[in-house]
Amino acid sequence: MSLPPSNAGVVAPGKELLRGCLGAAAVAAVLLVVAVLPAEYGIDPTGAGKALGLTRLHSAAAPAAVPVKTAATPAANAAKGSTVSAPGEVRAVTIAAKQSVAYRADTQEITLAPGKGVEVKTHLAKGSALMFSWKTTKGEVLNHDFHGEPVNAKGDEFESFILEDDVSHSSGVLIAPFTGVHGWYWKNLNDEPVTVVLQASGFYSDIFKK
């Protein structure tokens, strides 16, 4: 009767080593998911870290967030403009200015010869207010240009604020956009002289015929 080979039933050392490595890797993976990720990074895919209290370790160790200060922009510091308006209206731009010149009021009568034009002017500083109303004595019509020109204006450097043809009266108000001479020009295209009665008031320094 013969005996079996001496190595029968013995697992080869290479297979044993491989099986051991795979087992160790599986244990390491379980520890990573269950313990390391919840405790170190606050990641708890299985929920076991919360159950074992490991996620609290991450919360306690996490540094407090430091608020970042950013420079305030002019828009952030600017006061919000009023949005008050009347029902059914679109709000207009607010134009207001403190006045430094004494208030005054004047009435003038100006006679225009046939085919001729006349100017009446005031000196207004930037931001100063001027209000006016005029009419012809007999309802005759004239061409009218309410305008202004800055100090030391060159040539035809001026701005027309109200420009009208064939009118017998007009009125308006202006807050001067620039320092200079502001006033009225009338042109009489009639065959007879026409008299204009001008009423002006506001914060101008003088009024004169040019």
C-alpha atoms as a PDB file:
ATOM      1  CA  MET A   1       0.000   0.000   0.000  1.00  0.00           C
ATOM      2  CA  SER A   2       1.505   3.344  -1.038  1.00  0.00           C
ATOM      3  CA  LEU A   3       1.346   6.586   0.950  1.00  0.00           C
ATOM      4  CA  PRO A   4      -0.113   9.844  -0.585  1.00  0.00           C
ATOM      5  CA  PRO A   5       2.297  12.521  -1.707  1.00  0.00           C
ATOM      6  CA  SER A   6       3.651  14.548   1.191  1.00  0.00           C
ATOM      7  CA  ASN A   7       2.271  17.871  -0.193  1.00  0.00           C
ATOM      8  CA  ALA A   8      -1.285  16.695  -0.835  1.00  0.00           C
ATOM      9  CA  GLY A   9      -3.991  19.063   0.633  1.00  0.00           C
ATOM     10  CA  VAL A  10      -1.513  21.983   1.250  1.00  0.00           C
ATOM     11  CA  VAL A  11      -2.495  25.400  -0.309  1.00  0.00           C
ATOM     12  CA  ALA A  12       0.234  27.071  -2.275  1.00  0.00           C
ATOM     13  CA  PRO A  13       1.877  30.018  -0.436  1.00  0.00           C
ATOM     14  CA  GLY A  14       1.130  32.468  -3.344  1.00  0.00           C
ATOM     15  CA  LYS A  15      -2.633  31.966  -3.163  1.00  0.00           C
ATOM     16  CA  GLU A  16      -2.613  32.386   0.601  1.00  0.00           C
ATOM     17  CA  LEU A  17      -0.784  35.702   0.326  1.00  0.00           C
ATOM     18  CA  LEU A  18      -3.255  37.007  -2.277  1.00  0.00           C
ATOM     19  CA  ARG A  19      -6.225  35.997  -0.143  1.00  0.00           C
ATOM     20  CA  GLY A  20      -4.722  37.798   2.849  1.00  0.00           C
ATOM     21  CA  CYS A  21      -4.125  41.012   0.887  1.00  0.00           C
ATOM     22  CA  LEU A  22      -7.690  41.025  -0.383  1.00  0.00           C
ATOM     23  CA  GLY A  23      -9.049  40.550   3.097  1.00  0.00           C
ATOM     24  CA  ALA A  24      -6.929  43.379   4.491  1.00  0.00           C
ATOM     25  CA  ALA A  25      -8.038  45.711   1.699  1.00  0.00           C
ATOM     26  CA  ALA A  26     -11.685  44.947   2.400  1.00  0.00           C
ATOM     27  CA  VAL A  27     -11.256  45.728   6.103  1.00  0.00           C
ATOM     28  CA  ALA A  28      -9.429  48.989   5.258  1.00  0.00           C
ATOM     29  CA  ALA A  29     -12.236  50.034   2.909  1.00  0.00           C
ATOM     30  CA  VAL A  30     -14.848  49.417   5.566  1.00  0.00           C
ATOM     31  CA  LEU A  31     -12.864  51.455   8.105  1.00  0.00           C
ATOM     32  CA  LEU A  32     -12.438  54.263   5.576  1.00  0.00           C
ATOM     33  CA  VAL A  33     -16.166  54.527   4.849  1.00  0.00           C
ATOM     34  CA  VAL A  34     -17.435  53.942   8.375  1.00  0.00           C
ATOM     35  CA  ALA A  35     -14.816  55.792  10.494  1.00  0.00           C
ATOM     36  CA  VAL A  36     -12.242  57.895   8.629  1.00  0.00           C
ATOM     37  CA  LEU A  37     -14.493  59.805   6.226  1.00  0.00           C
ATOM     38  CA  PRO A  38     -17.081  60.815   8.889  1.00  0.00           C
ATOM     39  CA  ALA A  39     -14.462  61.791  11.502  1.00  0.00           C
ATOM     40  CA  GLU A  40     -11.938  63.575   9.275  1.00  0.00           C
ATOM     41  CA  TYR A  41     -14.018  65.036   6.433  1.00  0.00           C
ATOM     42  CA  GLY A  42     -17.623  64.968   7.652  1.00  0.00           C
ATOM     43  CA  ILE A  43     -18.568  62.580   4.824  1.00  0.00           C
ATOM     44  CA  ASP A  44     -20.960  59.861   6.028  1.00  0.00           C
ATOM     45  CA  PRO A  45     -22.361  57.872   3.069  1.00  0.00           C
ATOM     46  CA  THR A  46     -23.652  54.976   5.201  1.00  0.00           C
ATOM     47  CA  GLY A  47     -24.939  56.893   8.223  1.00  0.00           C
ATOM     48  CA  ALA A  48     -22.809  54.761  10.520  1.00  0.00           C
ATOM     49  CA  GLY A  49     -20.521  57.678  11.344  1.00  0.00           C
ATOM     50  CA  LYS A  50     -23.441  59.701  12.743  1.00  0.00           C
ATOM     51  CA  ALA A  51     -24.677  56.689  14.705  1.00  0.00           C
ATOM     52  CA  LEU A  52     -21.230  56.210  16.232  1.00  0.00           C
ATOM     53  CA  GLY A  53     -20.792  59.928  16.970  1.00  0.00           C
ATOM     54  CA  LEU A  54     -17.827  60.290  14.610  1.00  0.00           C
ATOM     55  CA  THR A  55     -19.255  63.201  12.599  1.00  0.00           C
ATOM     56  CA  ARG A  56     -19.168  65.338  15.757  1.00  0.00           C
ATOM     57  CA  LEU A  57     -15.387  64.995  15.779  1.00  0.00           C
ATOM     58  CA  HIS A  58     -15.230  66.679  12.383  1.00  0.00           C
ATOM     59  CA  SER A  59     -17.553  69.531  13.471  1.00  0.00           C
ATOM     60  CA  ALA A  60     -15.475  70.214  16.585  1.00  0.00           C
ATOM     61  CA  ALA A  61     -12.198  70.218  14.684  1.00  0.00           C
ATOM     62  CA  ALA A  62     -13.369  72.370  11.780  1.00  0.00           C
ATOM     63  CA  PRO A  63     -11.985  75.977  12.047  1.00  0.00           C
ATOM     64  CA  ALA A  64     -14.509  78.793  12.294  1.00  0.00           C
ATOM     65  CA  ALA A  65     -15.109  80.560   9.006  1.00  0.00           C
ATOM     66  CA  VAL A  66     -13.509  84.013   8.839  1.00  0.00           C
ATOM     67  CA  PRO A  67     -15.761  86.610   7.164  1.00  0.00           C
ATOM     68  CA  VAL A  68     -14.150  88.270   4.162  1.00  0.00           C
ATOM     69  CA  LYS A  69     -14.383  92.048   4.135  1.00  0.00           C
ATOM     70  CA  THR A  70     -14.964  93.625   0.740  1.00  0.00           C
ATOM     71  CA  ALA A  71     -14.559  97.254  -0.136  1.00  0.00           C
ATOM     72  CA  ALA A  72     -17.875  99.075  -0.337  1.00  0.00           C
ATOM     73  CA  THR A  73     -18.677 100.433  -3.771  1.00  0.00           C
ATOM     74  CA  PRO A  74     -20.038 103.974  -4.297  1.00  0.00           C
ATOM     75  CA  ALA A  75     -23.330 102.470  -5.427  1.00  0.00           C
ATOM     76  CA  ALA A  76     -23.644 100.596  -2.124  1.00  0.00           C
ATOM     77  CA  ASN A  77     -22.985 103.764  -0.115  1.00  0.00           C
ATOM     78  CA  ALA A  78     -25.212 106.028  -2.193  1.00  0.00           C
ATOM     79  CA  ALA A  79     -28.539 106.957  -0.677  1.00  0.00           C
ATOM     80  CA  LYS A  80     -31.468 105.466  -2.502  1.00  0.00           C
ATOM     81  CA  GLY A  81     -33.402 108.112  -4.434  1.00  0.00           C
ATOM     82  CA  SER A  82     -37.060 108.764  -3.773  1.00  0.00           C
ATOM     83  CA  THR A  83     -39.584 106.856  -5.838  1.00  0.00           C
ATOM     84  CA  VAL A  84     -42.596 108.930  -4.772  1.00  0.00           C
ATOM     85  CA  SER A  85     -44.948 109.711  -7.662  1.00  0.00           C
ATOM     86  CA  ALA A  86     -48.591 110.588  -8.303  1.00  0.00           C
ATOM     87  CA  PRO A  87     -50.965 107.810  -9.405  1.00  0.00           C
ATOM     88  CA  GLY A  88     -50.757 107.170 -13.152  1.00  0.00           C
ATOM     89  CA  GLU A  89     -47.652 109.347 -13.624  1.00  0.00           C
ATOM     90  CA  VAL A  90     -44.040 108.553 -14.429  1.00  0.00           C
ATOM     91  CA  ARG A  91     -41.816 110.356 -11.932  1.00  0.00           C
ATOM     92  CA  ALA A  92     -39.794 113.250 -13.381  1.00  0.00           C
ATOM     93  CA  VAL A  93     -36.211 114.102 -12.462  1.00  0.00           C
ATOM     94  CA  THR A  94     -35.998 116.193  -9.290  1.00  0.00           C
ATOM     95  CA  ILE A  95     -34.240 119.535  -9.884  1.00  0.00           C
ATOM     96  CA  ALA A  96     -33.725 121.619  -6.762  1.00  0.00           C
ATOM     97  CA  ALA A  97     -31.012 124.053  -5.719  1.00  0.00           C
ATOM     98  CA  LYS A  98     -30.437 126.318  -2.741  1.00  0.00           C
ATOM     99  CA  GLN A  99     -30.479 129.963  -3.879  1.00  0.00           C
ATOM    100  CA  SER A 100     -27.727 132.403  -2.873  1.00  0.00           C
ATOM    101  CA  VAL A 101     -28.982 135.572  -4.636  1.00  0.00           C
ATOM    102  CA  ALA A 102     -31.849 137.635  -3.177  1.00  0.00           C
ATOM    103  CA  TYR A 103     -35.282 137.044  -4.680  1.00  0.00           C
ATOM    104  CA  ARG A 104     -36.653 139.783  -6.931  1.00  0.00           C
ATOM    105  CA  ALA A 105     -39.600 140.442  -9.247  1.00  0.00           C
ATOM    106  CA  ASP A 106     -39.779 142.793 -12.233  1.00  0.00           C
ATOM    107  CA  THR A 107     -42.363 143.973 -14.785  1.00  0.00           C
ATOM    108  CA  GLN A 108     -41.228 145.468 -18.084  1.00  0.00           C
ATOM    109  CA  GLU A 109     -42.952 146.776 -21.201  1.00  0.00           C
ATOM    110  CA  ILE A 110     -41.005 146.336 -24.410  1.00  0.00           C
ATOM    111  CA  THR A 111     -42.097 147.791 -27.752  1.00  0.00           C
ATOM    112  CA  LEU A 112     -40.966 146.059 -30.930  1.00  0.00           C
ATOM    113  CA  ALA A 113     -40.885 148.004 -34.184  1.00  0.00           C
ATOM    114  CA  PRO A 114     -42.244 146.282 -37.327  1.00  0.00           C
ATOM    115  CA  GLY A 115     -39.818 143.671 -38.639  1.00  0.00           C
ATOM    116  CA  LYS A 116     -37.451 144.122 -35.657  1.00  0.00           C
ATOM    117  CA  GLY A 117     -36.316 141.959 -32.780  1.00  0.00           C
ATOM    118  CA  VAL A 118     -35.531 142.785 -29.139  1.00  0.00           C
ATOM    119  CA  GLU A 119     -33.705 140.891 -26.385  1.00  0.00           C
ATOM    120  CA  VAL A 120     -34.178 141.186 -22.623  1.00  0.00           C
ATOM    121  CA  LYS A 121     -31.604 139.407 -20.467  1.00  0.00           C
ATOM    122  CA  THR A 122     -30.834 138.468 -16.861  1.00  0.00           C
ATOM    123  CA  HIS A 123     -27.613 137.342 -15.214  1.00  0.00           C
ATOM    124  CA  LEU A 124     -28.128 133.930 -13.620  1.00  0.00           C
ATOM    125  CA  ALA A 125     -25.668 131.757 -11.736  1.00  0.00           C
ATOM    126  CA  LYS A 126     -25.684 128.000 -12.219  1.00  0.00           C
ATOM    127  CA  GLY A 127     -28.571 126.538 -10.233  1.00  0.00           C
ATOM    128  CA  SER A 128     -30.425 129.862  -9.907  1.00  0.00           C
ATOM    129  CA  ALA A 129     -34.149 129.917 -10.698  1.00  0.00           C
ATOM    130  CA  LEU A 130     -36.019 132.220 -13.083  1.00  0.00           C
ATOM    131  CA  MET A 131     -39.794 132.235 -13.646  1.00  0.00           C
ATOM    132  CA  PHE A 132     -41.582 134.352 -16.236  1.00  0.00           C
ATOM    133  CA  SER A 133     -44.809 135.147 -18.034  1.00  0.00           C
ATOM    134  CA  TRP A 134     -45.339 137.539 -20.951  1.00  0.00           C
ATOM    135  CA  LYS A 135     -48.068 138.547 -23.393  1.00  0.00           C
ATOM    136  CA  THR A 136     -48.677 141.127 -26.129  1.00  0.00           C
ATOM    137  CA  THR A 137     -51.064 143.937 -25.232  1.00  0.00           C
ATOM    138  CA  LYS A 138     -53.434 143.404 -28.188  1.00  0.00           C
ATOM    139  CA  GLY A 139     -52.978 139.696 -28.822  1.00  0.00           C
ATOM    140  CA  GLU A 140     -50.506 140.163 -31.673  1.00  0.00           C
ATOM    141  CA  VAL A 141     -48.284 137.169 -32.419  1.00  0.00           C
ATOM    142  CA  LEU A 142     -44.502 137.119 -32.258  1.00  0.00           C
ATOM    143  CA  ASN A 143     -41.638 134.665 -32.629  1.00  0.00           C
ATOM    144  CA  HIS A 144     -40.154 133.888 -29.217  1.00  0.00           C
ATOM    145  CA  ASP A 145     -36.865 132.309 -28.088  1.00  0.00           C
ATOM    146  CA  PHE A 146     -36.174 131.836 -24.371  1.00  0.00           C
ATOM    147  CA  HIS A 147     -32.491 130.979 -24.233  1.00  0.00           C
ATOM    148  CA  GLY A 148     -29.173 131.300 -22.419  1.00  0.00           C
ATOM    149  CA  GLU A 149     -25.499 131.633 -23.172  1.00  0.00           C
ATOM    150  CA  PRO A 150     -22.579 130.873 -20.849  1.00  0.00           C
ATOM    151  CA  VAL A 151     -20.038 133.387 -19.616  1.00  0.00           C
ATOM    152  CA  ASN A 152     -17.582 134.320 -22.379  1.00  0.00           C
ATOM    153  CA  ALA A 153     -19.641 132.490 -24.994  1.00  0.00           C
ATOM    154  CA  LYS A 154     -18.044 132.120 -28.407  1.00  0.00           C
ATOM    155  CA  GLY A 155     -19.960 133.139 -31.529  1.00  0.00           C
ATOM    156  CA  ASP A 156     -23.334 131.388 -31.604  1.00  0.00           C
ATOM    157  CA  GLU A 157     -22.679 129.368 -28.429  1.00  0.00           C
ATOM    158  CA  PHE A 158     -26.095 129.379 -26.756  1.00  0.00           C
ATOM    159  CA  GLU A 159     -28.959 127.053 -25.839  1.00  0.00           C
ATOM    160  CA  SER A 160     -32.659 127.574 -26.618  1.00  0.00           C
ATOM    161  CA  PHE A 161     -34.920 126.365 -23.808  1.00  0.00           C
ATOM    162  CA  ILE A 162     -38.281 127.420 -25.293  1.00  0.00           C
ATOM    163  CA  LEU A 163     -38.547 128.178 -29.004  1.00  0.00           C
ATOM    164  CA  GLU A 164     -41.939 129.272 -30.421  1.00  0.00           C
ATOM    165  CA  ASP A 165     -43.365 130.886 -33.564  1.00  0.00           C
ATOM    166  CA  ASP A 166     -46.550 132.943 -33.868  1.00  0.00           C
ATOM    167  CA  VAL A 167     -47.463 133.136 -30.177  1.00  0.00           C
ATOM    168  CA  SER A 168     -49.122 135.992 -28.272  1.00  0.00           C
ATOM    169  CA  HIS A 169     -48.064 134.824 -24.804  1.00  0.00           C
ATOM    170  CA  SER A 170     -45.815 132.343 -23.033  1.00  0.00           C
ATOM    171  CA  SER A 171     -44.604 131.372 -19.577  1.00  0.00           C
ATOM    172  CA  GLY A 172     -42.009 129.099 -18.068  1.00  0.00           C
ATOM    173  CA  VAL A 173     -39.470 128.405 -15.356  1.00  0.00           C
ATOM    174  CA  LEU A 174     -35.762 127.635 -15.513  1.00  0.00           C
ATOM    175  CA  ILE A 175     -33.078 126.462 -13.120  1.00  0.00           C
ATOM    176  CA  ALA A 176     -29.960 127.610 -14.940  1.00  0.00           C
ATOM    177  CA  PRO A 177     -27.758 124.719 -16.126  1.00  0.00           C
ATOM    178  CA  PHE A 178     -24.754 127.057 -16.369  1.00  0.00           C
ATOM    179  CA  THR A 179     -23.670 130.511 -15.223  1.00  0.00           C
ATOM    180  CA  GLY A 180     -24.311 133.162 -17.840  1.00  0.00           C
ATOM    181  CA  VAL A 181     -26.879 135.424 -19.467  1.00  0.00           C
ATOM    182  CA  HIS A 182     -30.421 134.060 -19.795  1.00  0.00           C
ATOM    183  CA  GLY A 183     -33.501 135.719 -21.245  1.00  0.00           C
ATOM    184  CA  TRP A 184     -35.902 136.322 -24.102  1.00  0.00           C
ATOM    185  CA  TYR A 185     -35.752 137.274 -27.741  1.00  0.00           C
ATOM    186  CA  TRP A 186     -38.875 138.405 -29.642  1.00  0.00           C
ATOM    187  CA  LYS A 187     -39.175 139.051 -33.368  1.00  0.00           C
ATOM    188  CA  ASN A 188     -42.061 141.219 -34.671  1.00  0.00           C
ATOM    189  CA  LEU A 189     -43.105 140.156 -38.169  1.00  0.00           C
ATOM    190  CA  ASN A 190     -46.168 142.427 -38.147  1.00  0.00           C
ATOM    191  CA  ASP A 191     -46.587 145.702 -40.036  1.00  0.00           C
ATOM    192  CA  GLU A 192     -47.308 147.588 -36.798  1.00  0.00           C
ATOM    193  CA  PRO A 193     -45.403 148.031 -33.525  1.00  0.00           C
ATOM    194  CA  VAL A 194     -46.165 145.445 -30.835  1.00  0.00           C
ATOM    195  CA  THR A 195     -45.847 145.944 -27.075  1.00  0.00           C
ATOM    196  CA  VAL A 196     -44.884 143.025 -24.820  1.00  0.00           C
ATOM    197  CA  VAL A 197     -45.559 143.025 -21.068  1.00  0.00           C
ATOM    198  CA  LEU A 198     -42.991 140.794 -19.317  1.00  0.00           C
ATOM    199  CA  GLN A 199     -43.275 139.665 -15.713  1.00  0.00           C
ATOM    200  CA  ALA A 200     -40.153 137.992 -14.346  1.00  0.00           C
ATOM    201  CA  SER A 201     -39.204 136.785 -10.883  1.00  0.00           C
ATOM    202  CA  GLY A 202     -36.497 134.678  -9.351  1.00  0.00           C
ATOM    203  CA  PHE A 203     -32.917 134.803  -8.173  1.00  0.00           C
ATOM    204  CA  TYR A 204     -31.159 136.798 -10.900  1.00  0.00           C
ATOM    205  CA  SER A 205     -28.842 139.723 -10.232  1.00  0.00           C
ATOM    206  CA  ASP A 206     -30.239 142.131 -12.857  1.00  0.00           C
ATOM    207  CA  ILE A 207     -32.490 142.516 -15.910  1.00  0.00           C
ATOM    208  CA  PHE A 208     -31.709 144.600 -18.962  1.00  0.00           C
ATOM    209  CA  LYS A 209     -32.554 145.143 -22.628  1.00  0.00           C
ATOM    210  CA  LYS A 210     -29.841 144.167 -25.045  1.00  0.00           C
END
